């Protein structure tokens, strides 16, 4: 299949296929839109079933970063990269240095950070080959997971206020699918406010930790979407809102950190028709990229997290717009983001200069 004809292509500016035989690197860097500024987005490592699946993921994720940055008020465009491989056994210094060289070859059009399967130390190895990295420990904010989780927590508060009419999460049952980095920190915030936790994960050690620390109730991964809860928080891989899971949902709210939670765009409208409030993923999970945007010698954690907290009000605006226009929240969010990046001062200045 031609990349230009791919169903997720959506006018991407650049798609780079990266291959380094010596290290075994097979990766894809996708740059969706740089109207507002250079692309910023994490690198994901995953044992994709096929190269087409990796391309699909890269295209969807990079597009999401464009919309995410626009709604977070950042001067960045959307980009993302994926490495085809098992993060449990295929990592090596040579592989990450090769990835760093490919990032560097783009001359600053794309800045890389960590994502699923990639840790801060992995990105720090890439930094040996390129200056275009973010979220590293030395001179950066380090692991962005706590900030992402905090943003999701503030977003859940907004969703509960709008859909349930409550100002506290105390006593609400929240199903958290995936309790790794972001999911763990989210559980900590929720438990501190008195929410009851139902959790699922494929990693037993992650489950043991949230059970021990937060008295969470464990269910099987295949049963989490159907749990009798008020809020469903997908915090693992995407596409968990699909034709199979939708009829099972008992939650009144879907709000989590996973990217691309809707298997298809039409599932946003399907949620609306079922009376389920959806917090668009690229809005609610923007905390990590927001704190990364504050990196630098003058980094102020309190200011960065205050910026993350604005996710609460952004979501309330999207919910109100969706209600007013009787459209899915995912569509309302897209419209608002497109107002910001389709016609931007950066692009206008470029056109004038030409």
C-alpha atoms as a PDB file:
ATOM      1  CA  UNK A   1       0.000   0.000   0.000  1.00  0.00           C
ATOM      2  CA  UNK A   2       1.225   3.506  -0.845  1.00  0.00           C
ATOM      3  CA  UNK A   3       1.692   5.694   2.221  1.00  0.00           C
ATOM      4  CA  UNK A   4      -0.085   8.504   0.368  1.00  0.00           C
ATOM      5  CA  UNK A   5      -3.146   6.268  -0.010  1.00  0.00           C
ATOM      6  CA  UNK A   6      -3.107   5.041   3.581  1.00  0.00           C
ATOM      7  CA  UNK A   7      -6.380   5.665   5.393  1.00  0.00           C
ATOM      8  CA  UNK A   8      -4.485   7.480   8.190  1.00  0.00           C
ATOM      9  CA  UNK A   9      -2.239   9.593   5.935  1.00  0.00           C
ATOM     10  CA  UNK A  10      -4.191  12.834   6.501  1.00  0.00           C
ATOM     11  CA  UNK A  11      -1.760  15.091   4.639  1.00  0.00           C
ATOM     12  CA  UNK A  12       1.374  14.208   6.611  1.00  0.00           C
ATOM     13  CA  UNK A  13       4.284  16.447   5.689  1.00  0.00           C
ATOM     14  CA  UNK A  14       6.954  13.769   5.977  1.00  0.00           C
ATOM     15  CA  UNK A  15       7.252  10.053   6.700  1.00  0.00           C
ATOM     16  CA  UNK A  16      10.748   8.635   7.144  1.00  0.00           C
ATOM     17  CA  UNK A  17      11.560   4.916   7.100  1.00  0.00           C
ATOM     18  CA  UNK A  18      14.704   4.192   9.100  1.00  0.00           C
ATOM     19  CA  UNK A  19      16.783   1.030   8.678  1.00  0.00           C
ATOM     20  CA  UNK A  20      20.157   0.273  10.210  1.00  0.00           C
ATOM     21  CA  UNK A  21      21.231  -3.329   9.458  1.00  0.00           C
ATOM     22  CA  UNK A  22      24.114  -3.284  11.936  1.00  0.00           C
ATOM     23  CA  UNK A  23      21.870  -2.618  14.946  1.00  0.00           C
ATOM     24  CA  UNK A  24      18.699  -4.157  13.564  1.00  0.00           C
ATOM     25  CA  UNK A  25      16.842  -0.862  13.721  1.00  0.00           C
ATOM     26  CA  UNK A  26      13.580  -0.685  11.802  1.00  0.00           C
ATOM     27  CA  UNK A  27      11.715   2.487  12.604  1.00  0.00           C
ATOM     28  CA  UNK A  28       9.313   5.060  11.218  1.00  0.00           C
ATOM     29  CA  UNK A  29       9.292   8.787  11.943  1.00  0.00           C
ATOM     30  CA  UNK A  30       6.080  10.579  10.999  1.00  0.00           C
ATOM     31  CA  UNK A  31       5.761  14.370  10.913  1.00  0.00           C
ATOM     32  CA  UNK A  32       2.129  15.389  10.544  1.00  0.00           C
ATOM     33  CA  UNK A  33       2.018  19.182  10.685  1.00  0.00           C
ATOM     34  CA  UNK A  34       4.478  21.966  11.553  1.00  0.00           C
ATOM     35  CA  UNK A  35       2.281  25.028  11.008  1.00  0.00           C
ATOM     36  CA  UNK A  36       2.640  26.098  14.634  1.00  0.00           C
ATOM     37  CA  UNK A  37       6.225  24.915  15.136  1.00  0.00           C
ATOM     38  CA  UNK A  38       8.632  21.973  14.799  1.00  0.00           C
ATOM     39  CA  UNK A  39       7.252  18.539  15.578  1.00  0.00           C
ATOM     40  CA  UNK A  40       7.554  17.113  19.087  1.00  0.00           C
ATOM     41  CA  UNK A  41       6.506  13.603  20.026  1.00  0.00           C
ATOM     42  CA  UNK A  42       7.603  10.428  21.740  1.00  0.00           C
ATOM     43  CA  UNK A  43       9.189   7.300  20.339  1.00  0.00           C
ATOM     44  CA  UNK A  44       7.309   4.046  20.867  1.00  0.00           C
ATOM     45  CA  UNK A  45       8.861   0.552  20.722  1.00  0.00           C
ATOM     46  CA  UNK A  46       6.487  -2.306  20.098  1.00  0.00           C
ATOM     47  CA  UNK A  47       6.511  -5.780  18.468  1.00  0.00           C
ATOM     48  CA  UNK A  48       4.036  -4.842  15.744  1.00  0.00           C
ATOM     49  CA  UNK A  49       2.342  -7.708  13.950  1.00  0.00           C
ATOM     50  CA  UNK A  50       3.260  -6.157  10.594  1.00  0.00           C
ATOM     51  CA  UNK A  51       5.008  -3.174   9.073  1.00  0.00           C
ATOM     52  CA  UNK A  52       1.620  -1.844   8.000  1.00  0.00           C
ATOM     53  CA  UNK A  53       0.493  -1.881  11.643  1.00  0.00           C
ATOM     54  CA  UNK A  54       3.594   0.132  12.576  1.00  0.00           C
ATOM     55  CA  UNK A  55       2.914   2.675   9.828  1.00  0.00           C
ATOM     56  CA  UNK A  56      -0.706   2.987  10.951  1.00  0.00           C
ATOM     57  CA  UNK A  57       0.364   3.600  14.542  1.00  0.00           C
ATOM     58  CA  UNK A  58       2.979   6.188  13.568  1.00  0.00           C
ATOM     59  CA  UNK A  59       0.525   8.105  11.384  1.00  0.00           C
ATOM     60  CA  UNK A  60      -2.270   8.098  13.962  1.00  0.00           C
ATOM     61  CA  UNK A  61       0.019   9.043  16.826  1.00  0.00           C
ATOM     62  CA  UNK A  62       1.725  11.893  14.975  1.00  0.00           C
ATOM     63  CA  UNK A  63      -1.607  13.359  13.889  1.00  0.00           C
ATOM     64  CA  UNK A  64      -2.748  13.205  17.492  1.00  0.00           C
ATOM     65  CA  UNK A  65       0.321  15.175  18.569  1.00  0.00           C
ATOM     66  CA  UNK A  66      -0.601  18.014  16.198  1.00  0.00           C
ATOM     67  CA  UNK A  67      -4.031  18.304  17.787  1.00  0.00           C
ATOM     68  CA  UNK A  68      -2.630  17.796  21.279  1.00  0.00           C
ATOM     69  CA  UNK A  69      -0.076  20.592  20.986  1.00  0.00           C
ATOM     70  CA  UNK A  70      -2.625  22.959  19.450  1.00  0.00           C
ATOM     71  CA  UNK A  71      -5.121  22.511  22.277  1.00  0.00           C
ATOM     72  CA  UNK A  72      -2.397  22.673  24.923  1.00  0.00           C
ATOM     73  CA  UNK A  73      -1.302  26.064  23.586  1.00  0.00           C
ATOM     74  CA  UNK A  74       2.189  24.902  22.636  1.00  0.00           C
ATOM     75  CA  UNK A  75       4.449  26.217  19.893  1.00  0.00           C
ATOM     76  CA  UNK A  76       5.016  22.726  18.525  1.00  0.00           C
ATOM     77  CA  UNK A  77       3.657  20.664  15.703  1.00  0.00           C
ATOM     78  CA  UNK A  78       2.859  16.978  15.628  1.00  0.00           C
ATOM     79  CA  UNK A  79       5.280  14.132  15.144  1.00  0.00           C
ATOM     80  CA  UNK A  80       5.873  10.640  16.451  1.00  0.00           C
ATOM     81  CA  UNK A  81       8.203   7.718  15.886  1.00  0.00           C
ATOM     82  CA  UNK A  82       7.906   3.978  16.315  1.00  0.00           C
ATOM     83  CA  UNK A  83      10.568   1.293  16.528  1.00  0.00           C
ATOM     84  CA  UNK A  84       9.561  -2.207  15.467  1.00  0.00           C
ATOM     85  CA  UNK A  85      10.801  -4.581  18.155  1.00  0.00           C
ATOM     86  CA  UNK A  86      10.184  -6.106  21.538  1.00  0.00           C
ATOM     87  CA  UNK A  87      11.291  -3.647  24.248  1.00  0.00           C
ATOM     88  CA  UNK A  88      11.910  -6.553  26.614  1.00  0.00           C
ATOM     89  CA  UNK A  89      14.607  -8.155  24.488  1.00  0.00           C
ATOM     90  CA  UNK A  90      15.548  -6.063  21.434  1.00  0.00           C
ATOM     91  CA  UNK A  91      17.005  -2.945  23.039  1.00  0.00           C
ATOM     92  CA  UNK A  92      20.664  -2.059  22.592  1.00  0.00           C
ATOM     93  CA  UNK A  93      22.884   1.010  22.726  1.00  0.00           C
ATOM     94  CA  UNK A  94      23.625   0.580  19.017  1.00  0.00           C
ATOM     95  CA  UNK A  95      19.934   0.556  18.138  1.00  0.00           C
ATOM     96  CA  UNK A  96      19.180   3.751  20.058  1.00  0.00           C
ATOM     97  CA  UNK A  97      22.277   5.508  18.745  1.00  0.00           C
ATOM     98  CA  UNK A  98      21.155   4.648  15.212  1.00  0.00           C
ATOM     99  CA  UNK A  99      17.722   6.058  16.020  1.00  0.00           C
ATOM    100  CA  UNK A 100      19.368   9.213  17.338  1.00  0.00           C
ATOM    101  CA  UNK A 101      21.243   9.649  14.070  1.00  0.00           C
ATOM    102  CA  UNK A 102      18.016   9.405  12.091  1.00  0.00           C
ATOM    103  CA  UNK A 103      16.364  11.998  14.331  1.00  0.00           C
ATOM    104  CA  UNK A 104      19.393  14.246  13.891  1.00  0.00           C
ATOM    105  CA  UNK A 105      19.236  13.913  10.099  1.00  0.00           C
ATOM    106  CA  UNK A 106      15.934  15.820  10.164  1.00  0.00           C
ATOM    107  CA  UNK A 107      17.713  18.968  11.307  1.00  0.00           C
ATOM    108  CA  UNK A 108      15.346  19.873  14.129  1.00  0.00           C
ATOM    109  CA  UNK A 109      12.065  19.267  12.327  1.00  0.00           C
ATOM    110  CA  UNK A 110      11.359  16.543  14.900  1.00  0.00           C
ATOM    111  CA  UNK A 111      12.272  16.301  18.589  1.00  0.00           C
ATOM    112  CA  UNK A 112      12.037  12.860  20.196  1.00  0.00           C
ATOM    113  CA  UNK A 113      10.972  11.877  23.728  1.00  0.00           C
ATOM    114  CA  UNK A 114       9.965   8.667  25.507  1.00  0.00           C
ATOM    115  CA  UNK A 115       6.727   6.738  24.945  1.00  0.00           C
ATOM    116  CA  UNK A 116       5.411   3.209  25.395  1.00  0.00           C
ATOM    117  CA  UNK A 117       8.313   0.745  25.512  1.00  0.00           C
ATOM    118  CA  UNK A 118      10.904   3.532  25.639  1.00  0.00           C
ATOM    119  CA  UNK A 119      12.370   4.871  28.889  1.00  0.00           C
ATOM    120  CA  UNK A 120      14.280   8.034  29.732  1.00  0.00           C
ATOM    121  CA  UNK A 121      17.622   6.131  29.703  1.00  0.00           C
ATOM    122  CA  UNK A 122      16.839   4.949  26.150  1.00  0.00           C
ATOM    123  CA  UNK A 123      16.270   8.538  25.007  1.00  0.00           C
ATOM    124  CA  UNK A 124      19.492   9.564  26.734  1.00  0.00           C
ATOM    125  CA  UNK A 125      21.365   7.107  24.506  1.00  0.00           C
ATOM    126  CA  UNK A 126      19.746   8.756  21.455  1.00  0.00           C
ATOM    127  CA  UNK A 127      20.973  12.079  22.864  1.00  0.00           C
ATOM    128  CA  UNK A 128      24.541  10.934  22.264  1.00  0.00           C
ATOM    129  CA  UNK A 129      23.808  11.334  18.548  1.00  0.00           C
ATOM    130  CA  UNK A 130      21.402  14.284  18.477  1.00  0.00           C
ATOM    131  CA  UNK A 131      20.504  17.385  20.424  1.00  0.00           C
ATOM    132  CA  UNK A 132      16.880  17.044  19.326  1.00  0.00           C
ATOM    133  CA  UNK A 133      15.665  15.137  22.387  1.00  0.00           C
ATOM    134  CA  UNK A 134      13.324  16.068  25.229  1.00  0.00           C
ATOM    135  CA  UNK A 135      12.461  14.651  28.627  1.00  0.00           C
ATOM    136  CA  UNK A 136      15.954  13.483  29.514  1.00  0.00           C
ATOM    137  CA  UNK A 137      17.147  13.552  33.107  1.00  0.00           C
ATOM    138  CA  UNK A 138      20.215  15.729  32.508  1.00  0.00           C
ATOM    139  CA  UNK A 139      18.995  19.241  31.754  1.00  0.00           C
ATOM    140  CA  UNK A 140      15.423  18.112  31.184  1.00  0.00           C
ATOM    141  CA  UNK A 141      12.314  17.206  33.134  1.00  0.00           C
ATOM    142  CA  UNK A 142      13.007  13.473  33.100  1.00  0.00           C
ATOM    143  CA  UNK A 143      10.119  11.008  33.096  1.00  0.00           C
ATOM    144  CA  UNK A 144       6.953  12.876  31.966  1.00  0.00           C
ATOM    145  CA  UNK A 145       4.625  10.153  33.293  1.00  0.00           C
ATOM    146  CA  UNK A 146       3.749  11.970  36.549  1.00  0.00           C
ATOM    147  CA  UNK A 147       2.734  15.065  34.581  1.00  0.00           C
ATOM    148  CA  UNK A 148       0.666  13.018  32.138  1.00  0.00           C
ATOM    149  CA  UNK A 149      -1.098  11.310  35.039  1.00  0.00           C
ATOM    150  CA  UNK A 150      -1.787  14.630  36.752  1.00  0.00           C
ATOM    151  CA  UNK A 151      -3.378  15.977  33.577  1.00  0.00           C
ATOM    152  CA  UNK A 152      -5.577  12.897  33.267  1.00  0.00           C
ATOM    153  CA  UNK A 153      -6.579  13.293  36.904  1.00  0.00           C
ATOM    154  CA  UNK A 154      -7.598  16.928  36.334  1.00  0.00           C
ATOM    155  CA  UNK A 155      -9.453  15.840  33.202  1.00  0.00           C
ATOM    156  CA  UNK A 156     -11.360  13.174  35.107  1.00  0.00           C
ATOM    157  CA  UNK A 157     -12.383  15.823  37.617  1.00  0.00           C
ATOM    158  CA  UNK A 158     -13.715  17.969  34.754  1.00  0.00           C
ATOM    159  CA  UNK A 159     -15.603  15.042  33.225  1.00  0.00           C
ATOM    160  CA  UNK A 160     -17.140  14.074  36.575  1.00  0.00           C
ATOM    161  CA  UNK A 161     -18.262  17.663  37.123  1.00  0.00           C
ATOM    162  CA  UNK A 162     -19.848  17.897  33.664  1.00  0.00           C
ATOM    163  CA  UNK A 163     -21.430  14.450  33.409  1.00  0.00           C
ATOM    164  CA  UNK A 164     -22.156  13.555  37.024  1.00  0.00           C
ATOM    165  CA  UNK A 165     -22.515  17.025  38.521  1.00  0.00           C
ATOM    166  CA  UNK A 166     -20.051  16.320  41.344  1.00  0.00           C
ATOM    167  CA  UNK A 167     -17.081  18.281  42.651  1.00  0.00           C
ATOM    168  CA  UNK A 168     -15.307  15.305  44.181  1.00  0.00           C
ATOM    169  CA  UNK A 169     -14.277  11.843  43.034  1.00  0.00           C
ATOM    170  CA  UNK A 170     -14.774  10.404  46.526  1.00  0.00           C
ATOM    171  CA  UNK A 171     -16.824   7.223  46.363  1.00  0.00           C
ATOM    172  CA  UNK A 172     -16.736   6.985  42.574  1.00  0.00           C
ATOM    173  CA  UNK A 173     -15.573   3.699  41.040  1.00  0.00           C
ATOM    174  CA  UNK A 174     -12.863   4.102  38.428  1.00  0.00           C
ATOM    175  CA  UNK A 175     -11.595   1.298  36.171  1.00  0.00           C
ATOM    176  CA  UNK A 176      -7.962   1.866  35.206  1.00  0.00           C
ATOM    177  CA  UNK A 177      -6.819  -0.268  32.292  1.00  0.00           C
ATOM    178  CA  UNK A 178      -3.036  -0.421  32.483  1.00  0.00           C
ATOM    179  CA  UNK A 179      -1.249   0.516  35.710  1.00  0.00           C
ATOM    180  CA  UNK A 180       2.297   0.985  34.474  1.00  0.00           C
ATOM    181  CA  UNK A 181       3.973   4.388  34.658  1.00  0.00           C
ATOM    182  CA  UNK A 182       1.055   6.736  33.940  1.00  0.00           C
ATOM    183  CA  UNK A 183      -1.612   4.380  35.258  1.00  0.00           C
ATOM    184  CA  UNK A 184       0.201   3.985  38.557  1.00  0.00           C
ATOM    185  CA  UNK A 185       0.502   7.722  39.171  1.00  0.00           C
ATOM    186  CA  UNK A 186      -3.126   8.198  38.143  1.00  0.00           C
ATOM    187  CA  UNK A 187      -4.195   5.571  40.675  1.00  0.00           C
ATOM    188  CA  UNK A 188      -2.292   7.435  43.356  1.00  0.00           C
ATOM    189  CA  UNK A 189      -4.169  10.681  42.625  1.00  0.00           C
ATOM    190  CA  UNK A 190      -7.531   8.928  42.459  1.00  0.00           C
ATOM    191  CA  UNK A 191      -6.993   6.970  45.654  1.00  0.00           C
ATOM    192  CA  UNK A 192      -5.881  10.108  47.490  1.00  0.00           C
ATOM    193  CA  UNK A 193      -9.244  11.698  46.658  1.00  0.00           C
ATOM    194  CA  UNK A 194     -11.165   8.645  47.820  1.00  0.00           C
ATOM    195  CA  UNK A 195     -12.076   6.965  44.551  1.00  0.00           C
ATOM    196  CA  UNK A 196     -12.482   3.179  44.473  1.00  0.00           C
ATOM    197  CA  UNK A 197     -10.136   1.507  41.996  1.00  0.00           C
ATOM    198  CA  UNK A 198     -10.733  -1.424  39.668  1.00  0.00           C
ATOM    199  CA  UNK A 199      -7.586  -2.280  37.706  1.00  0.00           C
ATOM    200  CA  UNK A 200      -6.236  -4.573  35.005  1.00  0.00           C
ATOM    201  CA  UNK A 201      -2.775  -5.108  33.563  1.00  0.00           C
ATOM    202  CA  UNK A 202      -0.749  -7.867  31.934  1.00  0.00           C
ATOM    203  CA  UNK A 203       2.159  -7.250  34.345  1.00  0.00           C
ATOM    204  CA  UNK A 204       1.634  -8.911  37.713  1.00  0.00           C
ATOM    205  CA  UNK A 205       4.196  -6.749  39.526  1.00  0.00           C
ATOM    206  CA  UNK A 206       2.329  -3.598  38.467  1.00  0.00           C
ATOM    207  CA  UNK A 207      -0.931  -5.058  39.750  1.00  0.00           C
ATOM    208  CA  UNK A 208       0.640  -6.123  43.031  1.00  0.00           C
ATOM    209  CA  UNK A 209       1.856  -2.590  43.647  1.00  0.00           C
ATOM    210  CA  UNK A 210      -1.506  -0.849  43.176  1.00  0.00           C
ATOM    211  CA  UNK A 211      -3.280  -3.513  45.224  1.00  0.00           C
ATOM    212  CA  UNK A 212      -0.776  -3.110  48.042  1.00  0.00           C
ATOM    213  CA  UNK A 213      -0.679   0.693  48.003  1.00  0.00           C
ATOM    214  CA  UNK A 214      -4.227   1.635  46.994  1.00  0.00           C
ATOM    215  CA  UNK A 215      -6.351  -1.404  47.883  1.00  0.00           C
ATOM    216  CA  UNK A 216      -7.350  -1.775  44.222  1.00  0.00           C
ATOM    217  CA  UNK A 217      -9.602  -4.585  43.002  1.00  0.00           C
ATOM    218  CA  UNK A 218      -8.115  -6.612  40.143  1.00  0.00           C
ATOM    219  CA  UNK A 219     -10.047  -7.942  37.158  1.00  0.00           C
ATOM    220  CA  UNK A 220      -8.877  -9.730  34.029  1.00  0.00           C
ATOM    221  CA  UNK A 221      -7.739  -7.478  31.142  1.00  0.00           C
ATOM    222  CA  UNK A 222     -10.579  -8.733  28.960  1.00  0.00           C
ATOM    223  CA  UNK A 223     -13.138  -7.823  31.644  1.00  0.00           C
ATOM    224  CA  UNK A 224     -12.055  -4.280  32.521  1.00  0.00           C
ATOM    225  CA  UNK A 225     -14.163  -2.501  29.892  1.00  0.00           C
ATOM    226  CA  UNK A 226     -17.309  -4.202  31.194  1.00  0.00           C
ATOM    227  CA  UNK A 227     -16.661  -3.427  34.868  1.00  0.00           C
ATOM    228  CA  UNK A 228     -19.513  -1.841  36.823  1.00  0.00           C
ATOM    229  CA  UNK A 229     -17.879   1.555  37.347  1.00  0.00           C
ATOM    230  CA  UNK A 230     -18.593   5.246  36.955  1.00  0.00           C
ATOM    231  CA  UNK A 231     -15.440   6.026  34.960  1.00  0.00           C
ATOM    232  CA  UNK A 232     -13.372   3.937  32.564  1.00  0.00           C
ATOM    233  CA  UNK A 233      -9.761   5.108  32.195  1.00  0.00           C
ATOM    234  CA  UNK A 234      -7.839   3.388  29.370  1.00  0.00           C
ATOM    235  CA  UNK A 235      -4.144   3.853  30.160  1.00  0.00           C
ATOM    236  CA  UNK A 236      -2.491   1.218  27.967  1.00  0.00           C
ATOM    237  CA  UNK A 237      -2.582   0.840  24.185  1.00  0.00           C
ATOM    238  CA  UNK A 238      -5.237   2.415  22.003  1.00  0.00           C
ATOM    239  CA  UNK A 239      -8.401   1.313  20.182  1.00  0.00           C
ATOM    240  CA  UNK A 240     -10.067  -0.021  23.336  1.00  0.00           C
ATOM    241  CA  UNK A 241     -13.291   1.769  22.350  1.00  0.00           C
ATOM    242  CA  UNK A 242     -14.476  -0.389  19.484  1.00  0.00           C
ATOM    243  CA  UNK A 243     -17.447  -2.341  18.191  1.00  0.00           C
ATOM    244  CA  UNK A 244     -16.826  -5.173  20.642  1.00  0.00           C
ATOM    245  CA  UNK A 245     -16.247  -3.105  23.793  1.00  0.00           C
ATOM    246  CA  UNK A 246     -18.896  -0.412  23.292  1.00  0.00           C
ATOM    247  CA  UNK A 247     -21.926  -2.584  24.104  1.00  0.00           C
ATOM    248  CA  UNK A 248     -20.170  -3.779  27.283  1.00  0.00           C
ATOM    249  CA  UNK A 249     -19.394  -0.349  28.731  1.00  0.00           C
ATOM    250  CA  UNK A 250     -21.230   0.445  31.944  1.00  0.00           C
ATOM    251  CA  UNK A 251     -19.237   3.582  32.739  1.00  0.00           C
ATOM    252  CA  UNK A 252     -20.765   7.007  32.207  1.00  0.00           C
ATOM    253  CA  UNK A 253     -17.358   8.528  31.415  1.00  0.00           C
ATOM    254  CA  UNK A 254     -14.359   7.410  29.343  1.00  0.00           C
ATOM    255  CA  UNK A 255     -11.263   9.365  30.352  1.00  0.00           C
ATOM    256  CA  UNK A 256      -7.745   7.919  30.294  1.00  0.00           C
ATOM    257  CA  UNK A 257      -4.182   8.439  29.128  1.00  0.00           C
ATOM    258  CA  UNK A 258      -3.999   6.009  26.195  1.00  0.00           C
ATOM    259  CA  UNK A 259      -3.514   7.446  22.731  1.00  0.00           C
ATOM    260  CA  UNK A 260      -6.047   6.757  19.982  1.00  0.00           C
ATOM    261  CA  UNK A 261      -8.672   5.274  22.293  1.00  0.00           C
ATOM    262  CA  UNK A 262     -11.311   5.289  19.566  1.00  0.00           C
ATOM    263  CA  UNK A 263     -10.735   2.436  17.130  1.00  0.00           C
ATOM    264  CA  UNK A 264     -12.467   4.562  14.490  1.00  0.00           C
ATOM    265  CA  UNK A 265     -13.666   8.165  14.446  1.00  0.00           C
ATOM    266  CA  UNK A 266     -17.298   7.009  14.359  1.00  0.00           C
ATOM    267  CA  UNK A 267     -16.939   5.572  17.842  1.00  0.00           C
ATOM    268  CA  UNK A 268     -16.933   9.084  19.281  1.00  0.00           C
ATOM    269  CA  UNK A 269     -20.499   9.579  18.061  1.00  0.00           C
ATOM    270  CA  UNK A 270     -21.393   6.085  19.237  1.00  0.00           C
ATOM    271  CA  UNK A 271     -20.326   7.030  22.759  1.00  0.00           C
ATOM    272  CA  UNK A 272     -22.409  10.217  22.610  1.00  0.00           C
ATOM    273  CA  UNK A 273     -25.514   8.306  21.545  1.00  0.00           C
ATOM    274  CA  UNK A 274     -25.060   5.966  24.507  1.00  0.00           C
ATOM    275  CA  UNK A 275     -24.843   8.920  26.882  1.00  0.00           C
ATOM    276  CA  UNK A 276     -21.182   8.266  27.693  1.00  0.00           C
ATOM    277  CA  UNK A 277     -19.001  11.352  28.044  1.00  0.00           C
ATOM    278  CA  UNK A 278     -15.655  10.941  26.293  1.00  0.00           C
ATOM    279  CA  UNK A 279     -12.644  13.069  27.234  1.00  0.00           C
ATOM    280  CA  UNK A 280     -10.726  13.182  23.922  1.00  0.00           C
ATOM    281  CA  UNK A 281      -7.453  11.380  24.478  1.00  0.00           C
ATOM    282  CA  UNK A 282      -5.116  13.913  22.943  1.00  0.00           C
ATOM    283  CA  UNK A 283      -6.565  16.626  25.183  1.00  0.00           C
ATOM    284  CA  UNK A 284      -6.564  14.802  28.506  1.00  0.00           C
ATOM    285  CA  UNK A 285      -3.157  13.134  28.086  1.00  0.00           C
ATOM    286  CA  UNK A 286      -1.221  16.271  27.115  1.00  0.00           C
ATOM    287  CA  UNK A 287       0.454  16.710  30.521  1.00  0.00           C
ATOM    288  CA  UNK A 288       3.721  15.092  29.493  1.00  0.00           C
ATOM    289  CA  UNK A 289       4.291  17.189  26.399  1.00  0.00           C
ATOM    290  CA  UNK A 290       3.240  20.309  28.320  1.00  0.00           C
ATOM    291  CA  UNK A 291       5.950  19.915  30.971  1.00  0.00           C
ATOM    292  CA  UNK A 292       8.491  19.021  28.292  1.00  0.00           C
ATOM    293  CA  UNK A 293       7.642  22.305  26.544  1.00  0.00           C
ATOM    294  CA  UNK A 294       8.759  24.098  29.730  1.00  0.00           C
ATOM    295  CA  UNK A 295      12.216  22.475  29.684  1.00  0.00           C
ATOM    296  CA  UNK A 296      15.235  24.705  29.900  1.00  0.00           C
ATOM    297  CA  UNK A 297      17.511  26.486  32.368  1.00  0.00           C
ATOM    298  CA  UNK A 298      14.567  28.463  33.770  1.00  0.00           C
ATOM    299  CA  UNK A 299      12.330  25.404  34.265  1.00  0.00           C
ATOM    300  CA  UNK A 300       9.795  26.016  37.023  1.00  0.00           C
ATOM    301  CA  UNK A 301       7.912  22.890  38.056  1.00  0.00           C
ATOM    302  CA  UNK A 302       5.071  24.803  39.684  1.00  0.00           C
ATOM    303  CA  UNK A 303       4.448  26.821  36.514  1.00  0.00           C
ATOM    304  CA  UNK A 304       4.659  23.711  34.346  1.00  0.00           C
ATOM    305  CA  UNK A 305       2.119  21.800  36.442  1.00  0.00           C
ATOM    306  CA  UNK A 306      -0.153  24.849  36.608  1.00  0.00           C
ATOM    307  CA  UNK A 307      -0.123  24.727  32.802  1.00  0.00           C
ATOM    308  CA  UNK A 308      -1.009  21.019  32.948  1.00  0.00           C
ATOM    309  CA  UNK A 309      -3.941  21.806  35.250  1.00  0.00           C
ATOM    310  CA  UNK A 310      -5.471  23.916  32.473  1.00  0.00           C
ATOM    311  CA  UNK A 311      -6.491  20.639  30.815  1.00  0.00           C
ATOM    312  CA  UNK A 312      -9.464  20.759  33.225  1.00  0.00           C
ATOM    313  CA  UNK A 313     -10.827  23.989  31.752  1.00  0.00           C
ATOM    314  CA  UNK A 314     -10.001  23.058  28.157  1.00  0.00           C
ATOM    315  CA  UNK A 315     -12.090  19.914  28.517  1.00  0.00           C
ATOM    316  CA  UNK A 316     -15.000  21.818  30.058  1.00  0.00           C
ATOM    317  CA  UNK A 317     -14.960  24.131  27.026  1.00  0.00           C
ATOM    318  CA  UNK A 318     -14.969  21.129  24.671  1.00  0.00           C
ATOM    319  CA  UNK A 319     -17.829  19.481  26.577  1.00  0.00           C
ATOM    320  CA  UNK A 320     -19.871  22.684  26.377  1.00  0.00           C
ATOM    321  CA  UNK A 321     -19.204  23.070  22.647  1.00  0.00           C
ATOM    322  CA  UNK A 322     -20.174  19.467  22.011  1.00  0.00           C
ATOM    323  CA  UNK A 323     -23.444  19.907  23.898  1.00  0.00           C
ATOM    324  CA  UNK A 324     -24.241  23.175  22.148  1.00  0.00           C
ATOM    325  CA  UNK A 325     -23.684  21.749  18.666  1.00  0.00           C
ATOM    326  CA  UNK A 326     -24.978  18.250  19.489  1.00  0.00           C
ATOM    327  CA  UNK A 327     -21.794  16.594  18.243  1.00  0.00           C
ATOM    328  CA  UNK A 328     -19.368  14.087  19.728  1.00  0.00           C
ATOM    329  CA  UNK A 329     -16.751  15.525  22.060  1.00  0.00           C
ATOM    330  CA  UNK A 330     -14.087  14.096  19.753  1.00  0.00           C
ATOM    331  CA  UNK A 331     -15.473  16.175  16.889  1.00  0.00           C
ATOM    332  CA  UNK A 332     -15.744  19.302  19.047  1.00  0.00           C
ATOM    333  CA  UNK A 333     -12.098  18.875  20.086  1.00  0.00           C
ATOM    334  CA  UNK A 334     -10.973  18.389  16.480  1.00  0.00           C
ATOM    335  CA  UNK A 335     -12.765  21.558  15.384  1.00  0.00           C
ATOM    336  CA  UNK A 336     -11.213  23.619  18.156  1.00  0.00           C
ATOM    337  CA  UNK A 337      -7.713  22.286  17.448  1.00  0.00           C
ATOM    338  CA  UNK A 338      -8.063  22.881  13.703  1.00  0.00           C
ATOM    339  CA  UNK A 339      -9.055  26.480  14.333  1.00  0.00           C
ATOM    340  CA  UNK A 340      -5.643  26.875  15.912  1.00  0.00           C
ATOM    341  CA  UNK A 341      -3.274  24.971  13.613  1.00  0.00           C
ATOM    342  CA  UNK A 342      -4.849  25.085  10.152  1.00  0.00           C
ATOM    343  CA  UNK A 343      -4.223  28.812   9.920  1.00  0.00           C
ATOM    344  CA  UNK A 344      -1.373  29.803  12.182  1.00  0.00           C
ATOM    345  CA  UNK A 345       0.891  32.846  12.519  1.00  0.00           C
ATOM    346  CA  UNK A 346       3.904  30.655  11.747  1.00  0.00           C
ATOM    347  CA  UNK A 347       2.475  29.530   8.411  1.00  0.00           C
ATOM    348  CA  UNK A 348       1.323  33.067   7.561  1.00  0.00           C
ATOM    349  CA  UNK A 349       4.814  34.440   8.179  1.00  0.00           C
ATOM    350  CA  UNK A 350       6.322  31.727   5.989  1.00  0.00           C
ATOM    351  CA  UNK A 351       3.902  32.560   3.171  1.00  0.00           C
ATOM    352  CA  UNK A 352       4.636  36.288   3.442  1.00  0.00           C
ATOM    353  CA  UNK A 353       8.384  35.653   3.374  1.00  0.00           C
ATOM    354  CA  UNK A 354       8.059  33.532   0.225  1.00  0.00           C
END
